[in-house]
């Protein structure tokens, strides 16, 4: 039943992509977080050691749906919750009435992802930075589902809800297209050893290399894949599908390996351009560039229960309880009924490899004042939308960042969800606490929300008092420069 429920769940749930903790993964105080973007970036961190105790991230959006919870933060406190919320028997359950579909004829995409960032650490050993990463992940996605089928699934294949109203006679008189699509859900955990090394070059340059080797434990999943199908409307509520080809599989436990590979390049200003107070404008670097390939690998599941529905002849569905000449046609009221009434069914077991969410990540960080930077990232998925592999959506990010020992703040702009949505984002680090969102407006506006994204965690680095020592030395250096400048004026 997991395969069938997947379609219904993902079609009206919010979708999650995979930025993870991208905003805090760059800079001189990224520490172990840098390994989530590019393991080579760890080599440039200021920390002698850095520990992440725990962190959590959740992100969601759907191209066809918006979400309006029974809470309005813009209203007075006494009237923030809608009346129907108090009349609901189960106030903790998501109500379908809170979701609104906007079907525009385009193929739909949706996903739901979350991550528990487990205990992780990094330390310096000689010229190396080495560390340990742990996490648990969950991901659900739909890619390519046609607008008419998305509406039918959202309305639970129930004709009384108007599920099939978008399957109408079109310009050619009889057929409607159901696009090829994939719906998949996967859970997995990983533990990895990471390391980075810096190679000094001429002219104040450094080359950094890094890698992470991970052991992956698959915690189960399932998928449904369908080729393109043509639907013919025979009469009111009766449809015929031509040449169906659908594959499903469900799996419980597997093992796999994965690795990340990263490179980074640091450019510092030339020696003769560093006199005076330059140290306090550009103390670390001028430009820091990175390229990485993340989550290369797969999970092997053995003895997987798989089913194919391959039919070369048309199959007829009754979606409205029509009688008379269509009496023998099976009624279709839900996704389970759709699949169970398809001919050409074949069930078997097989070994199955599910690919990890492989992606390529470019990063750039430009420092223009002592604590001020402009950071940018471009992450492109290397997994196809219609395969059964785990896939994170692609995105771009650019924006300013302020960072110091105890405080950091970013306010970037992101082109998310395979570049279809422009979103402002924000994050903040205060001491050991970091918190942020990759979609800022829904956190403020609670009506017609198209996506949600939040992350939070606790991490700390260096030895106690180290930041106080650095602040003291910085203050002493500033006083020396002021005295020198006063002497020059005299």
Protein backbone atom coordinates (compact mmCIF):
# COMPACT_ATOMS: atom_id res chain seq x y z
CA UNK A 1 0.00 0.00 0.00
CA UNK A 2 2.99 2.31 0.49
CA UNK A 3 3.35 2.81 -3.28
CA UNK A 4 -0.27 3.85 -3.71
CA UNK A 5 -0.45 6.15 -0.70
CA UNK A 6 2.69 7.92 -1.89
CA UNK A 7 0.87 9.60 -4.78
CA UNK A 8 -1.92 10.95 -2.60
CA UNK A 9 0.41 12.15 0.15
CA UNK A 10 2.92 13.92 -2.06
CA UNK A 11 0.34 15.57 -4.28
CA UNK A 12 -1.07 17.79 -1.53
CA UNK A 13 1.93 18.02 0.79
CA UNK A 14 4.42 20.84 0.66
CA UNK A 15 7.66 20.05 -1.12
CA UNK A 16 11.12 20.09 0.28
CA UNK A 17 14.25 20.59 -1.67
CA UNK A 18 17.80 20.46 -0.44
CA UNK A 19 19.69 23.53 0.49
CA UNK A 20 20.52 21.97 3.85
CA UNK A 21 22.50 24.62 5.76
CA UNK A 22 23.86 26.38 2.68
CA UNK A 23 23.94 29.87 4.17
CA UNK A 24 26.17 28.94 7.11
CA UNK A 25 28.40 26.61 5.08
CA UNK A 26 30.70 29.37 3.86
CA UNK A 27 33.14 31.76 5.50
CA UNK A 28 35.95 31.57 8.02
CA UNK A 29 33.60 30.43 10.81
CA UNK A 30 31.74 27.71 8.88
CA UNK A 31 33.71 24.92 10.55
CA UNK A 32 32.19 21.46 10.09
CA UNK A 33 29.20 23.04 8.26
CA UNK A 34 31.50 23.73 5.30
CA UNK A 35 31.66 19.99 4.59
CA UNK A 36 27.93 20.11 3.69
CA UNK A 37 28.79 22.39 0.74
CA UNK A 38 32.38 21.47 -0.11
CA UNK A 39 34.76 19.52 2.16
CA UNK A 40 37.71 21.57 0.85
CA UNK A 41 36.22 24.72 2.43
CA UNK A 42 37.06 23.32 5.89
CA UNK A 43 40.73 24.00 5.21
CA UNK A 44 40.12 27.74 5.28
CA UNK A 45 38.18 27.84 8.56
CA UNK A 46 39.59 29.71 11.57
CA UNK A 47 38.59 27.07 14.08
CA UNK A 48 41.14 24.75 15.59
CA UNK A 49 38.16 22.54 16.30
CA UNK A 50 34.43 22.84 15.76
CA UNK A 51 31.52 20.73 17.03
CA UNK A 52 27.90 20.58 15.86
CA UNK A 53 25.80 19.10 18.65
CA UNK A 54 22.50 18.86 16.80
CA UNK A 55 20.63 20.56 13.98
CA UNK A 56 17.38 20.24 12.09
CA UNK A 57 16.25 21.36 8.65
CA UNK A 58 12.91 21.17 6.85
CA UNK A 59 11.98 22.66 3.50
CA UNK A 60 8.85 22.48 1.36
CA UNK A 61 7.18 23.77 -1.77
CA UNK A 62 4.81 22.61 -4.49
CA UNK A 63 4.34 24.19 -7.89
CA UNK A 64 0.55 23.63 -8.00
CA UNK A 65 -0.56 24.19 -4.42
CA UNK A 66 -0.58 26.85 -1.73
CA UNK A 67 -1.13 26.36 1.99
CA UNK A 68 -3.16 28.59 4.29
CA UNK A 69 -3.04 27.38 7.91
CA UNK A 70 -5.87 28.31 10.32
CA UNK A 71 -3.59 30.91 11.83
CA UNK A 72 -3.05 34.51 10.74
CA UNK A 73 -0.13 36.29 12.41
CA UNK A 74 -1.31 39.63 11.05
CA UNK A 75 -4.51 39.61 13.12
CA UNK A 76 -4.93 40.48 16.82
CA UNK A 77 -4.01 37.69 19.22
CA UNK A 78 -7.63 36.82 20.07
CA UNK A 79 -8.63 36.26 16.43
CA UNK A 80 -5.51 34.72 14.91
CA UNK A 81 -6.99 31.22 14.70
CA UNK A 82 -9.84 30.62 12.25
CA UNK A 83 -13.22 29.55 13.68
CA UNK A 84 -13.22 26.29 11.70
CA UNK A 85 -10.01 25.27 13.47
CA UNK A 86 -11.81 25.14 16.81
CA UNK A 87 -14.69 23.19 15.24
CA UNK A 88 -12.29 20.56 13.90
CA UNK A 89 -12.31 17.23 15.75
CA UNK A 90 -8.57 16.73 15.30
CA UNK A 91 -6.75 20.06 15.58
CA UNK A 92 -3.31 18.55 15.00
CA UNK A 93 -4.19 17.00 11.63
CA UNK A 94 -3.56 18.79 8.36
CA UNK A 95 -6.92 19.49 6.76
CA UNK A 96 -7.20 19.26 2.98
CA UNK A 97 -9.27 22.45 3.07
CA UNK A 98 -6.10 24.30 4.14
CA UNK A 99 -4.57 23.52 0.72
CA UNK A 100 -5.54 25.22 -2.53
CA UNK A 101 -4.72 23.95 -6.01
CA UNK A 102 -3.90 26.25 -8.92
CA UNK A 103 -3.75 23.96 -11.92
CA UNK A 104 -2.53 25.84 -14.98
CA UNK A 105 -1.99 23.01 -17.47
CA UNK A 106 1.75 22.75 -16.76
CA UNK A 107 3.40 19.58 -15.47
CA UNK A 108 3.69 19.68 -11.68
CA UNK A 109 6.59 19.13 -9.29
CA UNK A 110 6.51 18.70 -5.53
CA UNK A 111 8.75 17.24 -2.84
CA UNK A 112 9.08 16.92 0.92
CA UNK A 113 12.50 16.72 2.61
CA UNK A 114 13.89 16.92 6.11
CA UNK A 115 17.23 16.34 7.76
CA UNK A 116 18.38 15.72 11.31
CA UNK A 117 21.98 16.94 11.52
CA UNK A 118 23.57 14.63 14.08
CA UNK A 119 26.66 15.09 16.25
CA UNK A 120 29.56 16.11 14.01
CA UNK A 121 33.00 17.61 14.61
CA UNK A 122 36.15 18.91 12.94
CA UNK A 123 39.68 19.40 14.29
CA UNK A 124 43.10 20.44 13.01
CA UNK A 125 45.85 17.83 13.00
CA UNK A 126 49.06 19.28 11.64
CA UNK A 127 48.29 20.72 8.19
CA UNK A 128 45.08 18.70 7.91
CA UNK A 129 41.50 19.42 8.99
CA UNK A 130 39.69 16.16 9.74
CA UNK A 131 36.22 15.43 11.05
CA UNK A 132 33.16 13.22 11.39
CA UNK A 133 29.67 13.79 9.91
CA UNK A 134 26.36 12.14 10.85
CA UNK A 135 22.81 12.73 9.65
CA UNK A 136 19.38 11.19 9.03
CA UNK A 137 17.38 12.19 5.94
CA UNK A 138 13.86 11.83 4.55
CA UNK A 139 12.80 12.88 1.06
CA UNK A 140 9.58 12.64 -0.94
CA UNK A 141 9.22 14.04 -4.44
CA UNK A 142 6.98 14.15 -7.50
CA UNK A 143 8.36 15.28 -10.84
CA UNK A 144 6.49 15.75 -14.10
CA UNK A 145 2.93 14.91 -13.06
CA UNK A 146 0.48 16.42 -15.55
CA UNK A 147 -1.90 19.07 -14.25
CA UNK A 148 -5.03 17.01 -14.87
CA UNK A 149 -3.73 13.93 -13.06
CA UNK A 150 -2.41 16.09 -10.21
CA UNK A 151 -5.89 17.53 -9.74
CA UNK A 152 -7.47 14.07 -9.83
CA UNK A 153 -5.08 12.71 -7.19
CA UNK A 154 -5.52 15.82 -5.02
CA UNK A 155 -9.27 15.15 -5.05
CA UNK A 156 -8.64 11.47 -4.19
CA UNK A 157 -9.83 10.10 -7.54
CA UNK A 158 -13.38 10.89 -6.42
CA UNK A 159 -15.68 12.16 -9.18
CA UNK A 160 -17.99 13.77 -6.59
CA UNK A 161 -15.08 16.09 -5.71
CA UNK A 162 -14.60 17.03 -9.36
CA UNK A 163 -11.43 14.97 -9.62
CA UNK A 164 -11.81 14.34 -13.35
CA UNK A 165 -13.30 17.65 -14.44
CA UNK A 166 -10.02 18.67 -16.10
CA UNK A 167 -10.11 15.59 -18.35
CA UNK A 168 -12.24 17.21 -21.03
CA UNK A 169 -12.41 16.87 -24.80
CA UNK A 170 -9.57 18.96 -26.18
CA UNK A 171 -8.84 20.47 -29.57
CA UNK A 172 -8.27 17.15 -31.34
CA UNK A 173 -11.66 15.96 -30.21
CA UNK A 174 -10.96 12.98 -28.01
CA UNK A 175 -7.60 12.61 -26.25
CA UNK A 176 -5.92 14.15 -23.25
CA UNK A 177 -2.27 13.76 -22.22
CA UNK A 178 -1.05 12.29 -18.93
CA UNK A 179 2.65 13.16 -18.82
CA UNK A 180 5.39 10.75 -17.80
CA UNK A 181 6.14 11.23 -14.10
CA UNK A 182 7.99 9.83 -11.11
CA UNK A 183 6.86 9.80 -7.47
CA UNK A 184 9.44 8.54 -4.97
CA UNK A 185 10.13 8.58 -1.25
CA UNK A 186 13.33 7.56 0.53
CA UNK A 187 14.83 7.59 4.02
CA UNK A 188 18.50 7.06 4.82
CA UNK A 189 21.19 7.78 7.39
CA UNK A 190 24.90 8.35 6.90
CA UNK A 191 28.12 8.58 8.87
CA UNK A 192 31.21 9.92 7.16
CA UNK A 193 34.88 10.74 7.69
CA UNK A 194 35.93 14.04 6.14
CA UNK A 195 39.27 15.76 5.63
CA UNK A 196 40.83 18.79 3.95
CA UNK A 197 44.38 19.94 3.15
CA UNK A 198 45.85 23.29 2.02
CA UNK A 199 48.66 23.59 -0.53
CA UNK A 200 50.43 27.00 -0.47
CA UNK A 201 51.10 28.52 -3.90
CA UNK A 202 53.02 31.55 -5.13
CA UNK A 203 51.68 35.10 -5.04
CA UNK A 204 49.58 34.68 -1.88
CA UNK A 205 47.43 31.88 -3.29
CA UNK A 206 46.32 28.59 -1.72
CA UNK A 207 44.82 25.46 -3.21
CA UNK A 208 42.58 23.38 -0.93
CA UNK A 209 41.44 19.81 -1.51
CA UNK A 210 38.93 17.87 0.54
CA UNK A 211 36.94 14.64 0.54
CA UNK A 212 34.32 12.84 2.58
CA UNK A 213 33.77 9.08 2.60
CA UNK A 214 30.35 8.01 3.87
CA UNK A 215 28.71 4.78 4.93
CA UNK A 216 25.02 4.87 4.02
CA UNK A 217 22.21 2.88 5.58
CA UNK A 218 19.00 2.82 3.56
CA UNK A 219 15.93 3.04 5.79
CA UNK A 220 13.33 2.17 3.18
CA UNK A 221 11.36 3.78 0.42
CA UNK A 222 9.23 3.27 -2.67
CA UNK A 223 8.57 4.76 -6.08
CA UNK A 224 6.04 4.86 -8.91
CA UNK A 225 7.13 5.60 -12.48
CA UNK A 226 4.83 6.02 -15.45
CA UNK A 227 5.42 6.59 -19.14
CA UNK A 228 3.26 9.10 -20.99
CA UNK A 229 -0.35 7.93 -21.40
CA UNK A 230 -3.15 9.21 -23.63
CA UNK A 231 -6.61 9.34 -22.02
CA UNK A 232 -9.72 9.20 -24.23
CA UNK A 233 -13.04 10.44 -22.89
CA UNK A 234 -15.70 8.02 -24.17
CA UNK A 235 -18.65 9.51 -22.34
CA UNK A 236 -19.45 11.38 -19.13
CA UNK A 237 -17.26 9.79 -16.45
CA UNK A 238 -15.90 6.97 -18.65
CA UNK A 239 -12.29 7.12 -19.90
CA UNK A 240 -9.99 4.83 -21.82
CA UNK A 241 -6.22 4.76 -21.31
CA UNK A 242 -4.00 3.79 -24.23
CA UNK A 243 -0.81 1.72 -23.81
CA UNK A 244 0.00 2.03 -20.12
CA UNK A 245 3.45 1.32 -18.70
CA UNK A 246 3.80 1.82 -14.94
CA UNK A 247 6.48 0.50 -12.57
CA UNK A 248 6.36 0.40 -8.78
CA UNK A 249 8.75 -0.89 -6.13
CA UNK A 250 8.92 -0.92 -2.34
CA UNK A 251 12.06 -1.57 -0.26
CA UNK A 252 12.87 -1.73 3.45
CA UNK A 253 16.58 -1.83 4.30
CA UNK A 254 19.77 -1.42 2.31
CA UNK A 255 23.46 -0.55 2.44
CA UNK A 256 25.59 1.75 0.36
CA UNK A 257 28.57 4.06 0.17
CA UNK A 258 28.97 7.63 -0.97
CA UNK A 259 31.65 10.25 -1.19
CA UNK A 260 32.11 13.99 -1.67
CA UNK A 261 35.05 15.53 -3.50
CA UNK A 262 35.89 19.23 -3.33
CA UNK A 263 38.44 21.81 -4.44
CA UNK A 264 38.89 25.42 -3.37
CA UNK A 265 41.18 28.28 -4.35
CA UNK A 266 42.04 31.29 -2.19
CA UNK A 267 43.31 34.60 -3.57
CA UNK A 268 44.87 37.15 -1.20
CA UNK A 269 45.90 40.65 -2.08
CA UNK A 270 49.55 41.14 -3.04
CA UNK A 271 52.06 42.01 -0.33
CA UNK A 272 52.76 45.54 -1.58
CA UNK A 273 49.04 46.35 -1.46
CA UNK A 274 48.66 45.40 2.21
CA UNK A 275 50.17 48.31 4.19
CA UNK A 276 48.35 50.47 6.70
CA UNK A 277 44.85 49.50 7.72
CA UNK A 278 44.41 47.00 4.88
CA UNK A 279 44.76 44.28 7.48
CA UNK A 280 41.53 45.43 9.03
CA UNK A 281 39.71 45.62 5.69
CA UNK A 282 40.90 42.33 4.24
CA UNK A 283 42.48 40.29 7.02
CA UNK A 284 41.71 36.84 5.63
CA UNK A 285 41.37 36.71 1.84
CA UNK A 286 40.07 38.65 -1.11
CA UNK A 287 38.33 35.87 -3.08
CA UNK A 288 37.60 32.27 -2.14
CA UNK A 289 36.35 29.95 -4.91
CA UNK A 290 35.10 26.36 -4.64
CA UNK A 291 33.92 23.43 -6.75
CA UNK A 292 32.57 20.18 -5.32
CA UNK A 293 30.74 17.00 -6.30
CA UNK A 294 28.47 15.87 -3.48
CA UNK A 295 26.78 12.56 -2.63
CA UNK A 296 28.31 10.42 -5.36
CA UNK A 297 27.14 6.84 -4.76
CA UNK A 298 24.09 4.65 -4.25
CA UNK A 299 22.22 2.38 -1.85
CA UNK A 300 21.78 -1.33 -2.68
CA UNK A 301 18.48 -2.91 -1.66
CA UNK A 302 18.17 -6.68 -2.04
CA UNK A 303 15.05 -8.75 -2.78
CA UNK A 304 12.96 -5.69 -3.58
CA UNK A 305 9.26 -6.29 -4.28
CA UNK A 306 8.57 -4.71 -7.68
CA UNK A 307 5.51 -4.63 -9.96
CA UNK A 308 5.08 -3.56 -13.56
CA UNK A 309 1.84 -2.77 -15.39
CA UNK A 310 2.45 -3.02 -19.12
CA UNK A 311 -0.56 -2.96 -21.40
CA UNK A 312 -0.51 -2.51 -25.16
CA UNK A 313 -4.30 -2.37 -25.51
CA UNK A 314 -6.59 0.35 -24.09
CA UNK A 315 -8.10 -0.09 -20.63
CA UNK A 316 -11.39 1.59 -19.69
CA UNK A 317 -12.14 3.27 -16.33
CA UNK A 318 -15.47 4.27 -14.86
CA UNK A 319 -14.91 7.38 -12.74
CA UNK A 320 -18.51 8.46 -12.14
CA UNK A 321 -20.41 5.27 -11.40
CA UNK A 322 -21.95 5.19 -14.90
CA UNK A 323 -24.32 2.28 -15.51
CA UNK A 324 -26.06 0.69 -18.55
CA UNK A 325 -23.53 -0.28 -21.23
CA UNK A 326 -20.62 0.61 -18.95
CA UNK A 327 -21.80 -1.57 -16.05
CA UNK A 328 -18.87 -4.07 -16.30
CA UNK A 329 -16.26 -1.30 -16.32
CA UNK A 330 -14.46 -1.22 -12.93
CA UNK A 331 -15.15 1.83 -10.76
CA UNK A 332 -12.13 3.99 -9.94
CA UNK A 333 -12.36 5.87 -6.65
CA UNK A 334 -8.73 6.04 -5.48
CA UNK A 335 -5.15 5.42 -6.54
CA UNK A 336 -5.21 1.85 -5.27
CA UNK A 337 -8.22 1.08 -7.43
CA UNK A 338 -6.52 2.60 -10.47
CA UNK A 339 -3.45 0.39 -10.19
CA UNK A 340 -5.24 -2.77 -9.12
CA UNK A 341 -7.49 -2.64 -12.20
CA UNK A 342 -4.69 -2.21 -14.73
CA UNK A 343 -4.07 -5.33 -16.85
CA UNK A 344 -0.63 -6.65 -17.70
CA UNK A 345 0.41 -6.82 -14.05
CA UNK A 346 3.62 -8.68 -13.22
CA UNK A 347 5.15 -8.92 -9.73
CA UNK A 348 8.71 -10.06 -9.01
CA UNK A 349 11.72 -9.48 -6.72
CA UNK A 350 15.03 -7.96 -7.72
CA UNK A 351 18.15 -6.25 -6.39
CA UNK A 352 17.80 -2.50 -6.80
CA UNK A 353 20.24 0.40 -6.58
CA UNK A 354 18.86 3.79 -5.55
CA UNK A 355 21.24 6.61 -6.39
CA UNK A 356 22.16 9.25 -3.81
CA UNK A 357 21.28 12.90 -4.59
CA UNK A 358 24.45 13.60 -6.59
CA UNK A 359 24.98 17.29 -7.35
CA UNK A 360 27.65 19.74 -8.44
CA UNK A 361 28.22 22.85 -6.31
CA UNK A 362 30.06 26.05 -7.25
CA UNK A 363 30.77 28.62 -4.54
CA UNK A 364 32.40 32.06 -4.40
CA UNK A 365 33.08 34.35 -1.45
CA UNK A 366 34.38 37.93 -1.81
CA UNK A 367 35.55 39.93 1.20
CA UNK A 368 35.26 43.70 0.81
CA UNK A 369 35.62 44.78 4.45
CA UNK A 370 36.90 43.19 7.59
CA UNK A 371 33.64 41.50 8.55
CA UNK A 372 31.68 41.92 5.32
CA UNK A 373 31.42 39.45 2.48
CA UNK A 374 29.38 38.70 -0.62
CA UNK A 375 28.78 34.97 -1.00
CA UNK A 376 27.33 33.02 -3.90
CA UNK A 377 26.44 29.39 -4.61
CA UNK A 378 25.20 27.46 -7.60
CA UNK A 379 24.10 23.88 -6.94
CA UNK A 380 23.03 21.79 -9.93
CA UNK A 381 21.48 18.35 -9.50
CA UNK A 382 23.14 15.59 -11.52
CA UNK A 383 20.17 13.24 -11.20
CA UNK A 384 17.38 13.08 -13.77
CA UNK A 385 13.89 14.14 -12.76
CA UNK A 386 12.25 10.95 -13.99
CA UNK A 387 14.64 8.37 -12.56
CA UNK A 388 14.09 6.52 -9.27
CA UNK A 389 17.22 8.00 -7.64
CA UNK A 390 17.03 10.41 -4.72
CA UNK A 391 17.10 13.90 -6.19
CA UNK A 392 17.50 17.36 -4.66
CA UNK A 393 16.31 20.33 -6.68
CA UNK A 394 18.84 22.80 -8.11
CA UNK A 395 19.23 26.37 -6.86
CA UNK A 396 21.34 29.56 -6.96
CA UNK A 397 22.10 31.93 -4.10
CA UNK A 398 23.85 35.31 -3.79
CA UNK A 399 23.88 37.90 -1.02
CA UNK A 400 25.80 39.79 1.69
CA UNK A 401 27.14 38.27 4.90
CA UNK A 402 28.47 39.79 8.10
CA UNK A 403 30.52 37.49 10.34
CA UNK A 404 32.68 37.62 13.42
CA UNK A 405 33.56 35.23 16.23
CA UNK A 406 30.28 35.49 18.08
CA UNK A 407 27.85 36.81 15.52
CA UNK A 408 27.00 36.26 11.85
CA UNK A 409 24.12 37.36 9.65
CA UNK A 410 23.25 36.66 6.00
CA UNK A 411 20.52 38.08 3.81
CA UNK A 412 20.82 36.40 0.39
CA UNK A 413 18.41 36.01 -2.51
CA UNK A 414 17.78 32.47 -3.78
CA UNK A 415 16.54 31.12 -7.11
CA UNK A 416 15.15 27.82 -5.84
CA UNK A 417 13.30 24.66 -6.82
CA UNK A 418 15.03 24.04 -10.17
CA UNK A 419 15.24 27.82 -10.70
CA UNK A 420 11.48 28.41 -10.85
CA UNK A 421 11.04 30.50 -7.66
CA UNK A 422 12.83 33.65 -6.46
CA UNK A 423 12.97 33.83 -2.65
CA UNK A 424 14.65 36.10 -0.06
CA UNK A 425 16.44 34.19 2.69
CA UNK A 426 18.11 34.93 6.02
CA UNK A 427 20.19 33.28 8.72
CA UNK A 428 21.80 34.29 12.00
CA UNK A 429 24.43 32.87 14.34
CA UNK A 430 24.61 34.15 17.91
CA UNK A 431 27.26 32.35 19.92
CA UNK A 432 26.51 28.63 19.67
CA UNK A 433 22.98 29.04 18.23
CA UNK A 434 22.34 29.25 14.50
CA UNK A 435 18.91 29.67 12.92
CA UNK A 436 17.65 30.56 9.46
CA UNK A 437 15.30 30.09 6.56
CA UNK A 438 15.80 29.72 2.81
CA UNK A 439 12.35 31.22 2.19
CA UNK A 440 11.86 34.29 4.34
CA UNK A 441 8.44 35.65 3.30
CA UNK A 442 6.34 32.58 4.27
CA UNK A 443 7.84 32.86 7.76
CA UNK A 444 6.23 36.32 7.95
CA UNK A 445 3.15 35.90 5.75
CA UNK A 446 0.80 33.07 6.75
CA UNK A 447 -1.68 33.27 3.84
CA UNK A 448 -1.37 31.34 0.55
CA UNK A 449 2.06 29.97 1.45
CA UNK A 450 3.79 28.33 -1.52
CA UNK A 451 6.81 26.97 0.35
CA UNK A 452 8.33 26.60 3.81
CA UNK A 453 11.97 26.32 4.89
CA UNK A 454 13.60 26.45 8.33
CA UNK A 455 16.81 25.26 9.97
CA UNK A 456 18.17 25.55 13.50
CA UNK A 457 20.99 24.03 15.49
CA UNK A 458 23.73 24.31 18.12
CA UNK A 459 27.46 24.34 17.38
CA UNK A 460 30.61 25.82 18.92
CA UNK A 461 34.32 25.89 18.23
CA UNK A 462 37.82 26.63 19.47
CA UNK A 463 38.81 26.50 23.13
CA UNK A 464 37.04 28.63 25.77
CA UNK A 465 38.38 32.17 25.78
CA UNK A 466 40.05 31.96 22.36
CA UNK A 467 37.68 34.53 20.89
CA UNK A 468 38.40 36.89 23.79
CA UNK A 469 42.12 36.61 23.05
CA UNK A 470 41.53 37.42 19.39
CA UNK A 471 39.39 40.45 20.24
CA UNK A 472 42.11 41.66 22.61
CA UNK A 473 44.85 41.30 20.00
CA UNK A 474 42.70 43.05 17.39
CA UNK A 475 42.12 45.96 19.77
CA UNK A 476 45.85 46.21 20.44
CA UNK A 477 46.64 46.27 16.72
CA UNK A 478 44.09 49.03 16.12
CA UNK A 479 45.64 51.14 18.88
CA UNK A 480 49.10 50.78 17.30
CA UNK A 481 47.75 51.90 13.92
CA UNK A 482 45.98 54.90 15.46
CA UNK A 483 49.19 55.96 17.22
CA UNK A 484 51.14 55.59 13.97
CA UNK A 485 48.57 57.64 12.06
CA UNK A 486 48.70 60.36 14.76
CA UNK A 487 52.49 60.54 14.43
CA UNK A 488 52.17 60.88 10.63
CA UNK A 489 49.77 63.80 11.03
CA UNK A 490 52.18 65.54 13.44
